[in-house]
Amino acid sequence: MSNSTIDLLMSHRSIRRFQNRPLPDGVLETLIRCGQQASTSSNVQAYTVIHVADPKRKKRLAELCADQVQIHQSAAFLAFCADLYRDRMANRMHGAERFDGDYAEALMIATVDVALMMQNVAIAAESLGLGICMIGAMRNNPKSVGKLLDLPPYVVAVAGFCIGYPDQAPEVKPRLPLDAVLHRERYLCDETHQLAMEEYDRTMVDFYTSQGMHEGDQRWTTVMADRTGQFHARAELDEFLTAQGFRLRR
């Protein structure tokens, strides 16, 4: 089954090299409007996008995001923020007695809303022949990023977002087998997952070898075993979430 939309979605790849070419007038605004049309919980629209165009500010933000070359080269670099500040303002405008920003549901709504918006922007950008790269390293130094961007309470930068004209054409990276992510009626554990992951290990070894990437053990499970033991490196994010008002109840 195929059509132009499915073909576009199935051809996604992250772009890490961009041409020195600006976006035409109005393109960024169109992309953000497309992002706003994403599904949003109860029309909360719990997101804000900050376009960082000033060269000095962009350079500093790039440094806080592991100084990745695609940030410097991008025609536009955006910070996508989970944002309940507007909702807090609405709460105060009407003298509401309580604001439940310290519940997990509040953070969940804002995080899901901004993620859906970000993906809409990505699809719209790619439909115009642009390339994108999402930057999770925006969460490496959340306090410094928050200060640089003047983030008020109940706002957290979730990810960076590079947009520009591609200067490379990488291969589409294979994904997990469908059986690993599409379960029927109930969650399937253990053997089903292990068989799917072993199959994916073989797929990714072939892919990384063909691309000259990931020296050493190239199995996906090995990479994930290492990666999932490094979340503590962003422990500052826990502190920053609390400081911003997301004091999750225990």
C-alpha atoms as a PDB file:
ATOM      1  CA  MET A   1       0.000   0.000   0.000  1.00  0.00           C
ATOM      2  CA  SER A   2       1.427   3.370  -0.973  1.00  0.00           C
ATOM      3  CA  ASN A   3       0.621   6.987  -1.736  1.00  0.00           C
ATOM      4  CA  SER A   4       2.602  10.214  -1.667  1.00  0.00           C
ATOM      5  CA  THR A   5       2.090  10.734   2.078  1.00  0.00           C
ATOM      6  CA  ILE A   6       3.122   7.191   2.978  1.00  0.00           C
ATOM      7  CA  ASP A   7       6.138   7.425   0.672  1.00  0.00           C
ATOM      8  CA  LEU A   8       7.204  10.666   2.364  1.00  0.00           C
ATOM      9  CA  LEU A   9       6.885   9.188   5.851  1.00  0.00           C
ATOM     10  CA  MET A  10       8.755   6.032   4.899  1.00  0.00           C
ATOM     11  CA  SER A  11      11.649   8.029   3.435  1.00  0.00           C
ATOM     12  CA  HIS A  12      12.467   9.992   6.612  1.00  0.00           C
ATOM     13  CA  ARG A  13      16.084  10.294   7.621  1.00  0.00           C
ATOM     14  CA  SER A  14      17.902  12.769   9.888  1.00  0.00           C
ATOM     15  CA  ILE A  15      20.073  15.301   8.042  1.00  0.00           C
ATOM     16  CA  ARG A  16      23.346  16.334   9.678  1.00  0.00           C
ATOM     17  CA  ARG A  17      24.875  18.373   6.855  1.00  0.00           C
ATOM     18  CA  PHE A  18      23.101  21.399   5.394  1.00  0.00           C
ATOM     19  CA  GLN A  19      23.738  23.711   2.460  1.00  0.00           C
ATOM     20  CA  ASN A  20      24.548  27.361   3.133  1.00  0.00           C
ATOM     21  CA  ARG A  21      21.133  28.435   1.900  1.00  0.00           C
ATOM     22  CA  PRO A  22      18.443  30.401   3.759  1.00  0.00           C
ATOM     23  CA  LEU A  23      14.793  29.459   3.967  1.00  0.00           C
ATOM     24  CA  PRO A  24      12.507  31.472   1.679  1.00  0.00           C
ATOM     25  CA  ASP A  25      10.343  34.095   3.360  1.00  0.00           C
ATOM     26  CA  GLY A  26       7.267  32.633   4.995  1.00  0.00           C
ATOM     27  CA  VAL A  27       8.432  29.018   5.041  1.00  0.00           C
ATOM     28  CA  LEU A  28       9.197  28.897   8.770  1.00  0.00           C
ATOM     29  CA  GLU A  29       5.848  30.444   9.640  1.00  0.00           C
ATOM     30  CA  THR A  30       4.044  27.958   7.397  1.00  0.00           C
ATOM     31  CA  LEU A  31       5.829  25.056   9.066  1.00  0.00           C
ATOM     32  CA  ILE A  32       4.882  26.261  12.530  1.00  0.00           C
ATOM     33  CA  ARG A  33       1.247  26.687  11.477  1.00  0.00           C
ATOM     34  CA  CYS A  34       1.334  23.089  10.246  1.00  0.00           C
ATOM     35  CA  GLY A  35       2.707  22.105  13.634  1.00  0.00           C
ATOM     36  CA  GLN A  36      -0.181  23.839  15.357  1.00  0.00           C
ATOM     37  CA  GLN A  37      -2.648  21.629  13.509  1.00  0.00           C
ATOM     38  CA  ALA A  38      -1.354  18.517  15.273  1.00  0.00           C
ATOM     39  CA  SER A  39      -3.659  16.800  17.728  1.00  0.00           C
ATOM     40  CA  THR A  40      -3.574  18.408  21.165  1.00  0.00           C
ATOM     41  CA  SER A  41      -5.051  17.244  24.453  1.00  0.00           C
ATOM     42  CA  SER A  42      -8.314  19.143  25.136  1.00  0.00           C
ATOM     43  CA  ASN A  43      -7.036  21.970  22.898  1.00  0.00           C
ATOM     44  CA  VAL A  44      -4.481  22.866  25.579  1.00  0.00           C
ATOM     45  CA  GLN A  45      -1.775  23.482  22.924  1.00  0.00           C
ATOM     46  CA  ALA A  46       0.900  23.117  25.569  1.00  0.00           C
ATOM     47  CA  TYR A  47       3.874  24.149  23.456  1.00  0.00           C
ATOM     48  CA  THR A  48       5.995  27.093  22.401  1.00  0.00           C
ATOM     49  CA  VAL A  49       8.647  27.205  19.680  1.00  0.00           C
ATOM     50  CA  ILE A  50      11.611  29.574  20.007  1.00  0.00           C
ATOM     51  CA  HIS A  51      13.462  30.456  16.797  1.00  0.00           C
ATOM     52  CA  VAL A  52      17.068  31.261  17.678  1.00  0.00           C
ATOM     53  CA  ALA A  53      18.460  33.348  14.804  1.00  0.00           C
ATOM     54  CA  ASP A  54      20.932  35.688  16.514  1.00  0.00           C
ATOM     55  CA  PRO A  55      24.391  34.283  15.596  1.00  0.00           C
ATOM     56  CA  LYS A  56      25.889  34.648  19.068  1.00  0.00           C
ATOM     57  CA  ARG A  57      22.869  33.150  20.808  1.00  0.00           C
ATOM     58  CA  LYS A  58      22.692  30.317  18.273  1.00  0.00           C
ATOM     59  CA  LYS A  59      26.401  29.573  18.755  1.00  0.00           C
ATOM     60  CA  ARG A  60      25.998  29.475  22.520  1.00  0.00           C
ATOM     61  CA  LEU A  61      22.919  27.275  22.272  1.00  0.00           C
ATOM     62  CA  ALA A  62      24.788  24.930  19.945  1.00  0.00           C
ATOM     63  CA  GLU A  63      27.597  24.671  22.511  1.00  0.00           C
ATOM     64  CA  LEU A  64      25.035  23.695  25.146  1.00  0.00           C
ATOM     65  CA  CYS A  65      23.728  21.017  22.752  1.00  0.00           C
ATOM     66  CA  ALA A  66      27.025  19.134  22.327  1.00  0.00           C
ATOM     67  CA  ASP A  67      28.228  21.612  19.679  1.00  0.00           C
ATOM     68  CA  GLN A  68      26.827  19.547  16.809  1.00  0.00           C
ATOM     69  CA  VAL A  69      27.759  20.732  13.322  1.00  0.00           C
ATOM     70  CA  GLN A  70      24.217  20.485  11.967  1.00  0.00           C
ATOM     71  CA  ILE A  71      23.069  23.148  14.427  1.00  0.00           C
ATOM     72  CA  HIS A  72      25.657  25.613  13.151  1.00  0.00           C
ATOM     73  CA  GLN A  73      24.839  24.811   9.513  1.00  0.00           C
ATOM     74  CA  SER A  74      21.047  24.834   9.822  1.00  0.00           C
ATOM     75  CA  ALA A  75      19.055  27.541   8.071  1.00  0.00           C
ATOM     76  CA  ALA A  76      16.829  27.694  11.146  1.00  0.00           C
ATOM     77  CA  PHE A  77      17.349  26.306  14.634  1.00  0.00           C
ATOM     78  CA  LEU A  78      14.328  25.957  16.890  1.00  0.00           C
ATOM     79  CA  ALA A  79      13.803  25.074  20.530  1.00  0.00           C
ATOM     80  CA  PHE A  80      10.575  23.138  21.041  1.00  0.00           C
ATOM     81  CA  CYS A  81       9.257  23.693  24.545  1.00  0.00           C
ATOM     82  CA  ALA A  82       6.659  21.933  26.649  1.00  0.00           C
ATOM     83  CA  ASP A  83       4.673  24.906  27.928  1.00  0.00           C
ATOM     84  CA  LEU A  84       2.015  25.213  30.620  1.00  0.00           C
ATOM     85  CA  TYR A  85       2.850  28.853  31.372  1.00  0.00           C
ATOM     86  CA  ARG A  86      -0.051  30.124  29.252  1.00  0.00           C
ATOM     87  CA  ASP A  87      -2.385  27.778  31.084  1.00  0.00           C
ATOM     88  CA  ARG A  88      -1.097  29.098  34.409  1.00  0.00           C
ATOM     89  CA  MET A  89      -1.834  32.614  33.149  1.00  0.00           C
ATOM     90  CA  ALA A  90      -5.375  31.597  32.140  1.00  0.00           C
ATOM     91  CA  ASN A  91      -5.789  30.061  35.564  1.00  0.00           C
ATOM     92  CA  ARG A  92      -4.883  33.352  37.233  1.00  0.00           C
ATOM     93  CA  MET A  93      -6.950  35.451  34.819  1.00  0.00           C
ATOM     94  CA  HIS A  94     -10.058  33.691  36.082  1.00  0.00           C
ATOM     95  CA  GLY A  95      -9.045  33.430  39.725  1.00  0.00           C
ATOM     96  CA  ALA A  96      -9.097  29.650  39.738  1.00  0.00           C
ATOM     97  CA  GLU A  97      -8.457  28.141  43.143  1.00  0.00           C
ATOM     98  CA  ARG A  98      -5.931  25.537  42.034  1.00  0.00           C
ATOM     99  CA  PHE A  99      -3.459  24.764  39.272  1.00  0.00           C
ATOM    100  CA  ASP A 100      -2.451  21.113  39.083  1.00  0.00           C
ATOM    101  CA  GLY A 101       0.950  21.596  37.500  1.00  0.00           C
ATOM    102  CA  ASP A 102       2.526  19.241  40.027  1.00  0.00           C
ATOM    103  CA  TYR A 103       0.745  16.155  38.710  1.00  0.00           C
ATOM    104  CA  ALA A 104       2.340  13.773  36.211  1.00  0.00           C
ATOM    105  CA  GLU A 105      -0.622  14.335  33.879  1.00  0.00           C
ATOM    106  CA  ALA A 106       0.360  17.991  33.434  1.00  0.00           C
ATOM    107  CA  LEU A 107       3.884  17.136  32.318  1.00  0.00           C
ATOM    108  CA  MET A 108       2.577  14.275  30.178  1.00  0.00           C
ATOM    109  CA  ILE A 109       0.130  16.557  28.336  1.00  0.00           C
ATOM    110  CA  ALA A 110       2.783  19.188  27.633  1.00  0.00           C
ATOM    111  CA  THR A 111       5.397  16.659  26.513  1.00  0.00           C
ATOM    112  CA  VAL A 112       3.032  14.777  24.208  1.00  0.00           C
ATOM    113  CA  ASP A 113       1.613  18.004  22.772  1.00  0.00           C
ATOM    114  CA  VAL A 114       5.017  19.413  21.848  1.00  0.00           C
ATOM    115  CA  ALA A 115       6.202  16.071  20.445  1.00  0.00           C
ATOM    116  CA  LEU A 116       3.157  15.840  18.169  1.00  0.00           C
ATOM    117  CA  MET A 117       3.680  19.420  17.022  1.00  0.00           C
ATOM    118  CA  MET A 118       7.355  18.775  16.330  1.00  0.00           C
ATOM    119  CA  GLN A 119       6.581  15.745  14.183  1.00  0.00           C
ATOM    120  CA  ASN A 120       4.022  17.730  12.170  1.00  0.00           C
ATOM    121  CA  VAL A 121       6.673  20.376  11.488  1.00  0.00           C
ATOM    122  CA  ALA A 122       9.113  17.656  10.423  1.00  0.00           C
ATOM    123  CA  ILE A 123       6.662  16.141   7.945  1.00  0.00           C
ATOM    124  CA  ALA A 124       5.734  19.538   6.520  1.00  0.00           C
ATOM    125  CA  ALA A 125       9.412  20.471   6.135  1.00  0.00           C
ATOM    126  CA  GLU A 126      10.286  17.242   4.367  1.00  0.00           C
ATOM    127  CA  SER A 127       7.317  17.672   2.026  1.00  0.00           C
ATOM    128  CA  LEU A 128       8.998  20.898   0.840  1.00  0.00           C
ATOM    129  CA  GLY A 129      12.306  19.164   0.162  1.00  0.00           C
ATOM    130  CA  LEU A 130      13.885  20.377   3.394  1.00  0.00           C
ATOM    131  CA  GLY A 131      15.857  18.234   5.805  1.00  0.00           C
ATOM    132  CA  ILE A 132      15.497  18.145   9.572  1.00  0.00           C
ATOM    133  CA  CYS A 133      17.377  16.852  12.583  1.00  0.00           C
ATOM    134  CA  MET A 134      15.928  16.723  16.078  1.00  0.00           C
ATOM    135  CA  ILE A 135      18.424  17.476  18.849  1.00  0.00           C
ATOM    136  CA  GLY A 136      17.888  15.618  22.112  1.00  0.00           C
ATOM    137  CA  ALA A 137      21.067  17.219  23.460  1.00  0.00           C
ATOM    138  CA  MET A 138      18.897  20.275  24.157  1.00  0.00           C
ATOM    139  CA  ARG A 139      18.321  18.447  27.469  1.00  0.00           C
ATOM    140  CA  ASN A 140      22.035  18.138  28.304  1.00  0.00           C
ATOM    141  CA  ASN A 141      22.192  21.485  30.126  1.00  0.00           C
ATOM    142  CA  PRO A 142      18.574  22.424  30.891  1.00  0.00           C
ATOM    143  CA  LYS A 143      19.382  25.123  33.445  1.00  0.00           C
ATOM    144  CA  SER A 144      21.737  26.989  31.112  1.00  0.00           C
ATOM    145  CA  VAL A 145      19.346  26.571  28.182  1.00  0.00           C
ATOM    146  CA  GLY A 146      16.491  27.860  30.310  1.00  0.00           C
ATOM    147  CA  LYS A 147      18.521  30.916  31.291  1.00  0.00           C
ATOM    148  CA  LEU A 148      19.647  31.603  27.721  1.00  0.00           C
ATOM    149  CA  LEU A 149      16.076  31.414  26.422  1.00  0.00           C
ATOM    150  CA  ASP A 150      14.492  33.206  29.411  1.00  0.00           C
ATOM    151  CA  LEU A 151      12.095  30.339  30.038  1.00  0.00           C
ATOM    152  CA  PRO A 152       9.408  31.204  32.618  1.00  0.00           C
ATOM    153  CA  PRO A 153       7.922  28.717  35.105  1.00  0.00           C
ATOM    154  CA  TYR A 154       6.165  25.682  33.635  1.00  0.00           C
ATOM    155  CA  VAL A 155       8.239  25.802  30.432  1.00  0.00           C
ATOM    156  CA  VAL A 156      10.952  23.265  29.541  1.00  0.00           C
ATOM    157  CA  ALA A 157      12.935  22.945  26.308  1.00  0.00           C
ATOM    158  CA  VAL A 158      12.280  19.373  25.182  1.00  0.00           C
ATOM    159  CA  ALA A 159      14.330  19.227  21.976  1.00  0.00           C
ATOM    160  CA  GLY A 160      16.189  21.289  19.427  1.00  0.00           C
ATOM    161  CA  PHE A 161      15.221  21.186  15.770  1.00  0.00           C
ATOM    162  CA  CYS A 162      17.428  21.891  12.753  1.00  0.00           C
ATOM    163  CA  ILE A 163      15.887  22.814   9.399  1.00  0.00           C
ATOM    164  CA  GLY A 164      17.676  23.422   6.127  1.00  0.00           C
ATOM    165  CA  TYR A 165      18.427  22.224   2.632  1.00  0.00           C
ATOM    166  CA  PRO A 166      20.191  18.841   2.773  1.00  0.00           C
ATOM    167  CA  ASP A 167      23.842  18.590   1.783  1.00  0.00           C
ATOM    168  CA  GLN A 168      23.839  14.817   2.121  1.00  0.00           C
ATOM    169  CA  ALA A 169      21.577  11.897   1.215  1.00  0.00           C
ATOM    170  CA  PRO A 170      21.951   9.252   3.929  1.00  0.00           C
ATOM    171  CA  GLU A 171      20.231   5.903   3.670  1.00  0.00           C
ATOM    172  CA  VAL A 172      16.956   5.405   5.519  1.00  0.00           C
ATOM    173  CA  LYS A 173      17.770   3.681   8.806  1.00  0.00           C
ATOM    174  CA  PRO A 174      15.922   0.373   9.312  1.00  0.00           C
ATOM    175  CA  ARG A 175      13.416   0.164  12.150  1.00  0.00           C
ATOM    176  CA  LEU A 176      12.468  -2.675  14.469  1.00  0.00           C
ATOM    177  CA  PRO A 177      10.431  -5.515  12.956  1.00  0.00           C
ATOM    178  CA  LEU A 178       6.713  -4.804  13.017  1.00  0.00           C
ATOM    179  CA  ASP A 179       6.096  -7.717  15.398  1.00  0.00           C
ATOM    180  CA  ALA A 180       8.174  -5.936  18.022  1.00  0.00           C
ATOM    181  CA  VAL A 181       5.977  -2.843  18.103  1.00  0.00           C
ATOM    182  CA  LEU A 182       2.533  -4.004  16.906  1.00  0.00           C
ATOM    183  CA  HIS A 183       0.935  -6.309  19.478  1.00  0.00           C
ATOM    184  CA  ARG A 184      -2.567  -7.782  19.212  1.00  0.00           C
ATOM    185  CA  GLU A 185      -5.022  -7.726  22.120  1.00  0.00           C
ATOM    186  CA  ARG A 186      -2.339  -7.728  24.836  1.00  0.00           C
ATOM    187  CA  TYR A 187       1.321  -6.945  25.417  1.00  0.00           C
ATOM    188  CA  LEU A 188       3.578  -9.763  24.278  1.00  0.00           C
ATOM    189  CA  CYS A 189       6.693 -10.283  26.378  1.00  0.00           C
ATOM    190  CA  ASP A 190       9.961 -12.160  26.423  1.00  0.00           C
ATOM    191  CA  GLU A 191      10.348 -14.615  23.529  1.00  0.00           C
ATOM    192  CA  THR A 192       8.503 -12.507  20.959  1.00  0.00           C
ATOM    193  CA  HIS A 193      10.599  -9.477  21.836  1.00  0.00           C
ATOM    194  CA  GLN A 194      13.844 -11.403  21.965  1.00  0.00           C
ATOM    195  CA  LEU A 195      13.338 -13.005  18.557  1.00  0.00           C
ATOM    196  CA  ALA A 196      12.458  -9.625  17.032  1.00  0.00           C
ATOM    197  CA  MET A 197      15.468  -7.953  18.624  1.00  0.00           C
ATOM    198  CA  GLU A 198      17.827 -10.682  17.475  1.00  0.00           C
ATOM    199  CA  GLU A 199      16.507 -10.245  13.941  1.00  0.00           C
ATOM    200  CA  TYR A 200      16.973  -6.476  14.248  1.00  0.00           C
ATOM    201  CA  ASP A 201      20.513  -6.956  15.552  1.00  0.00           C
ATOM    202  CA  ARG A 202      21.396  -8.705  12.310  1.00  0.00           C
ATOM    203  CA  THR A 203      19.685  -6.006  10.254  1.00  0.00           C
ATOM    204  CA  MET A 204      21.523  -3.188  12.019  1.00  0.00           C
ATOM    205  CA  VAL A 205      24.920  -4.900  11.815  1.00  0.00           C
ATOM    206  CA  ASP A 206      24.439  -5.102   8.055  1.00  0.00           C
ATOM    207  CA  PHE A 207      23.269  -1.473   7.911  1.00  0.00           C
ATOM    208  CA  TYR A 208      26.061  -0.002  10.045  1.00  0.00           C
ATOM    209  CA  THR A 209      28.661  -2.026   8.165  1.00  0.00           C
ATOM    210  CA  SER A 210      27.373  -0.770   4.818  1.00  0.00           C
ATOM    211  CA  GLN A 211      27.462   2.825   6.113  1.00  0.00           C
ATOM    212  CA  GLY A 212      30.844   2.598   7.843  1.00  0.00           C
ATOM    213  CA  MET A 213      29.246   3.517  11.179  1.00  0.00           C
ATOM    214  CA  HIS A 214      29.599   2.323  14.791  1.00  0.00           C
ATOM    215  CA  GLU A 215      32.946   0.601  15.078  1.00  0.00           C
ATOM    216  CA  GLY A 216      32.978  -2.318  17.481  1.00  0.00           C
ATOM    217  CA  ASP A 217      29.859  -4.262  18.455  1.00  0.00           C
ATOM    218  CA  GLN A 218      27.187  -3.006  16.077  1.00  0.00           C
ATOM    219  CA  ARG A 219      24.223  -4.951  17.431  1.00  0.00           C
ATOM    220  CA  TRP A 220      21.257  -2.753  18.334  1.00  0.00           C
ATOM    221  CA  THR A 221      20.767  -4.515  21.670  1.00  0.00           C
ATOM    222  CA  THR A 222      24.384  -3.785  22.609  1.00  0.00           C
ATOM    223  CA  VAL A 223      23.988  -0.108  21.718  1.00  0.00           C
ATOM    224  CA  MET A 224      20.753   0.095  23.746  1.00  0.00           C
ATOM    225  CA  ALA A 225      22.263  -1.725  26.716  1.00  0.00           C
ATOM    226  CA  ASP A 226      24.877   1.021  26.858  1.00  0.00           C
ATOM    227  CA  ARG A 227      22.511   3.879  26.061  1.00  0.00           C
ATOM    228  CA  THR A 228      19.900   3.012  28.687  1.00  0.00           C
ATOM    229  CA  GLY A 229      22.608   3.013  31.340  1.00  0.00           C
ATOM    230  CA  GLN A 230      23.464   6.636  30.629  1.00  0.00           C
ATOM    231  CA  PHE A 231      20.229   8.450  31.455  1.00  0.00           C
ATOM    232  CA  HIS A 232      21.823   9.608  34.710  1.00  0.00           C
ATOM    233  CA  ALA A 233      23.986  11.952  32.627  1.00  0.00           C
ATOM    234  CA  ARG A 234      20.922  14.196  32.352  1.00  0.00           C
ATOM    235  CA  ALA A 235      20.066  14.135  36.043  1.00  0.00           C
ATOM    236  CA  GLU A 236      20.047  17.948  35.988  1.00  0.00           C
ATOM    237  CA  LEU A 237      16.788  17.704  34.063  1.00  0.00           C
ATOM    238  CA  ASP A 238      15.053  16.299  37.157  1.00  0.00           C
ATOM    239  CA  GLU A 239      16.177  19.321  39.167  1.00  0.00           C
ATOM    240  CA  PHE A 240      15.196  21.748  36.422  1.00  0.00           C
ATOM    241  CA  LEU A 241      11.714  20.270  36.037  1.00  0.00           C
ATOM    242  CA  THR A 242      11.156  20.762  39.758  1.00  0.00           C
ATOM    243  CA  ALA A 243      12.512  24.316  39.640  1.00  0.00           C
ATOM    244  CA  GLN A 244      10.185  25.138  36.732  1.00  0.00           C
ATOM    245  CA  GLY A 245       7.126  24.051  38.706  1.00  0.00           C
ATOM    246  CA  PHE A 246       6.768  20.446  37.610  1.00  0.00           C
ATOM    247  CA  ARG A 247       7.091  19.146  41.182  1.00  0.00           C
ATOM    248  CA  LEU A 248       5.720  15.697  40.534  1.00  0.00           C
ATOM    249  CA  ARG A 249       3.882  14.221  43.504  1.00  0.00           C
ATOM    250  CA  ARG A 250       5.393  11.126  45.095  1.00  0.00           C
END
